C-alpha atoms as a PDB file:
ATOM      1  CA  MET A   1      20.701  12.296  15.731  1.00  0.00           C
ATOM      2  CA  GLU A   2      18.684   9.589  17.567  1.00  0.00           C
ATOM      3  CA  GLN A   3      15.540  11.378  16.655  1.00  0.00           C
ATOM      4  CA  LEU A   4      16.331  11.179  13.096  1.00  0.00           C
ATOM      5  CA  GLN A   5      17.245   7.345  13.675  1.00  0.00           C
ATOM      6  CA  ASP A   6      14.078   6.661  15.459  1.00  0.00           C
ATOM      7  CA  GLN A   7      12.294   8.255  13.034  1.00  0.00           C
ATOM      8  CA  GLN A   8      13.754   6.147   9.892  1.00  0.00           C
ATOM      9  CA  GLY A   9      13.540   3.144  12.151  1.00  0.00           C
ATOM     10  CA  GLY A  10       9.692   3.692  12.480  1.00  0.00           C
ATOM     11  CA  GLU A  11       9.262   4.430   8.752  1.00  0.00           C
ATOM     12  CA  GLU A  12      11.184   1.066   8.115  1.00  0.00           C
ATOM     13  CA  ALA A  13       8.726  -0.810  10.573  1.00  0.00           C
ATOM     14  CA  GLU A  14       5.559   0.884   8.762  1.00  0.00           C
ATOM     15  CA  GLU A  15       7.176   0.013   5.155  1.00  0.00           C
ATOM     16  CA  ALA A  16       7.514  -3.502   6.646  1.00  0.00           C
ATOM     17  CA  ARG A  17       3.763  -3.828   7.780  1.00  0.00           C
ATOM     18  CA  GLU A  18       2.309  -2.304   4.616  1.00  0.00           C
ATOM     19  CA  ALA A  19       4.311  -4.653   2.530  1.00  0.00           C
ATOM     20  CA  GLN A  20       3.238  -7.620   4.771  1.00  0.00           C
ATOM     21  CA  ARG A  21      -0.492  -6.403   4.324  1.00  0.00           C
ATOM     22  CA  GLU A  22      -0.117  -6.081   0.354  1.00  0.00           C
ATOM     23  CA  GLN A  23       1.212  -9.781   0.505  1.00  0.00           C
ATOM     24  CA  ARG A  24      -1.827 -11.011   2.582  1.00  0.00           C
ATOM     25  CA  GLU A  25      -4.382  -9.137   0.672  1.00  0.00           C
ATOM     26  CA  ALA A  26      -2.658 -10.565  -2.714  1.00  0.00           C
ATOM     27  CA  GLN A  27      -2.635 -14.060  -1.153  1.00  0.00           C
ATOM     28  CA  LYS A  28      -6.204 -13.493  -0.393  1.00  0.00           C
ATOM     29  CA  LYS A  29      -7.126 -12.877  -3.894  1.00  0.00           C
ATOM     30  CA  ALA A  30      -5.577 -15.511  -5.328  1.00  0.00           C
ATOM     31  CA  LEU A  31      -7.026 -18.024  -3.175  1.00  0.00           C
ATOM     32  CA  LEU A  32     -10.576 -16.279  -3.790  1.00  0.00           C
ATOM     33  CA  ARG A  33      -9.665 -16.309  -7.615  1.00  0.00           C
ATOM     34  CA  GLN A  34      -8.468 -20.119  -7.474  1.00  0.00           C
ATOM     35  CA  HIS A  35     -11.929 -21.235  -5.695  1.00  0.00           C
ATOM     36  CA  LEU A  36     -14.607 -18.691  -6.846  1.00  0.00           C
ATOM     37  CA  THR A  37     -16.139 -19.037 -10.005  1.00  0.00           C
ATOM     38  CA  ASP A  38     -16.851 -15.748 -12.056  1.00  0.00           C
ATOM     39  CA  GLU A  39     -20.660 -15.524 -11.183  1.00  0.00           C
ATOM     40  CA  ALA A  40     -19.667 -15.886  -7.460  1.00  0.00           C
ATOM     41  CA  ARG A  41     -17.128 -13.298  -7.538  1.00  0.00           C
ATOM     42  CA  LYS A  42     -19.405 -11.221  -9.166  1.00  0.00           C
ATOM     43  CA  ARG A  43     -21.752 -11.422  -6.507  1.00  0.00           C
ATOM     44  CA  LEU A  44     -19.255 -10.692  -3.717  1.00  0.00           C
ATOM     45  CA  ASN A  45     -17.980  -7.790  -5.641  1.00  0.00           C
ATOM     46  CA  THR A  46     -21.446  -6.428  -5.577  1.00  0.00           C
ATOM     47  CA  ILE A  47     -21.791  -6.943  -1.691  1.00  0.00           C
ATOM     48  CA  LYS A  48     -18.669  -5.623  -1.246  1.00  0.00           C
ATOM     49  CA  MET A  49     -19.765  -2.505  -2.927  1.00  0.00           C
ATOM     50  CA  SER A  50     -22.878  -2.161  -0.944  1.00  0.00           C
ATOM     51  CA  LYS A  51     -21.840  -3.575   2.410  1.00  0.00           C
ATOM     52  CA  PRO A  52     -18.192  -3.600   2.580  1.00  0.00           C
ATOM     53  CA  GLN A  53     -17.837  -4.797   6.386  1.00  0.00           C
ATOM     54  CA  PHE A  54     -20.001  -8.172   5.597  1.00  0.00           C
ATOM     55  CA  GLY A  55     -18.309  -8.427   2.014  1.00  0.00           C
ATOM     56  CA  GLU A  56     -14.977  -8.824   4.135  1.00  0.00           C
ATOM     57  CA  GLN A  57     -16.678 -11.317   6.359  1.00  0.00           C
ATOM     58  CA  VAL A  58     -17.819 -13.186   3.341  1.00  0.00           C
ATOM     59  CA  GLU A  59     -14.167 -13.149   2.033  1.00  0.00           C
ATOM     60  CA  GLN A  60     -12.996 -14.545   5.434  1.00  0.00           C
ATOM     61  CA  GLN A  61     -15.087 -17.355   5.698  1.00  0.00           C
ATOM     62  CA  VAL A  62     -14.182 -18.426   1.806  1.00  0.00           C
ATOM     63  CA  VAL A  63     -10.410 -18.078   2.587  1.00  0.00           C
ATOM     64  CA  ALA A  64     -10.811 -20.115   5.946  1.00  0.00           C
ATOM     65  CA  LEU A  65     -13.127 -22.798   4.034  1.00  0.00           C
ATOM     66  CA  ALA A  66     -10.376 -22.999   1.746  1.00  0.00           C
ATOM     67  CA  GLN A  67      -7.509 -23.041   3.828  1.00  0.00           C
ATOM     68  CA  SER A  68      -8.932 -25.878   6.114  1.00  0.00           C
ATOM     69  CA  GLY A  69      -9.577 -27.900   2.846  1.00  0.00           C
ATOM     70  CA  ARG A  70     -13.559 -27.850   3.424  1.00  0.00           C
ATOM     71  CA  ILE A  71     -13.776 -26.425  -0.324  1.00  0.00           C
ATOM     72  CA  GLN A  72     -14.613 -29.503  -2.816  1.00  0.00           C
ATOM     73  CA  GLY A  73     -14.137 -28.035  -6.061  1.00  0.00           C
ATOM     74  CA  ARG A  74     -15.442 -24.330  -6.664  1.00  0.00           C
ATOM     75  CA  ILE A  75     -17.773 -22.229  -5.004  1.00  0.00           C
ATOM     76  CA  ASP A  76     -20.634 -21.532  -7.453  1.00  0.00           C
ATOM     77  CA  ASP A  77     -23.420 -18.915  -7.341  1.00  0.00           C
ATOM     78  CA  GLU A  78     -25.689 -21.258  -5.710  1.00  0.00           C
ATOM     79  CA  LYS A  79     -23.133 -21.971  -3.015  1.00  0.00           C
ATOM     80  CA  MET A  80     -22.066 -18.079  -2.508  1.00  0.00           C
ATOM     81  CA  LYS A  81     -25.948 -17.392  -1.845  1.00  0.00           C
ATOM     82  CA  ALA A  82     -25.822 -20.161   0.636  1.00  0.00           C
ATOM     83  CA  ILE A  83     -22.975 -19.130   2.487  1.00  0.00           C
ATOM     84  CA  LEU A  84     -24.451 -15.459   2.359  1.00  0.00           C
ATOM     85  CA  LYS A  85     -27.710 -16.823   3.853  1.00  0.00           C
ATOM     86  CA  GLU A  86     -25.761 -18.544   6.704  1.00  0.00           C
ATOM     87  CA  LEU A  87     -23.634 -15.307   7.667  1.00  0.00           C
ATOM     88  CA  GLN A  88     -26.255 -12.908   6.972  1.00  0.00           C
ATOM     89  CA  PRO A  89     -27.613 -11.218  10.250  1.00  0.00           C
ATOM     90  CA  GLU A  90     -31.233 -12.302  11.191  1.00  0.00           C
ATOM     91  CA  ASP A  91     -33.474  -9.445  10.029  1.00  0.00           C
ATOM     92  CA  GLN A  92     -34.454  -7.380  12.735  1.00  0.00           C
ATOM     93  CA  SER A  93     -38.243  -6.056  12.945  1.00  0.00           C
ATOM     94  CA  TYR A  94     -39.227  -2.902  14.100  1.00  0.00           C
ATOM     95  CA  ASP A  95     -42.656  -2.298  16.024  1.00  0.00           C
ATOM     96  CA  ILE A  96     -44.020   1.326  15.224  1.00  0.00           C
ATOM     97  CA  ARG A  97     -46.721   2.587  17.505  1.00  0.00           C
ATOM     98  CA  ARG A  98     -48.986   5.370  17.429  1.00  0.00           C
ATOM     99  CA  ARG A  99     -49.954   6.973  19.992  1.00  0.00           C
END
């Protein structure tokens, strides 16, 4: 009986965490929709498809800028390019040596 109650409690906690995660995701999407132009949003979506981790990092940066009030107006494609250049890791150079 206790195991059944523990199992139900665990499922409820999991559902609550899932609901919170979905709510945070919806808030993030609304914030991005509010602060990004269509072109900037398209660019971000393209990046997320090719580099998901980097796309998430860019989204987090834009959300942080918006929440701190450092975004004046909307982010257009040119501003998005500047953010991407700022966040993009330095290119690694590879030396190929032949013996």
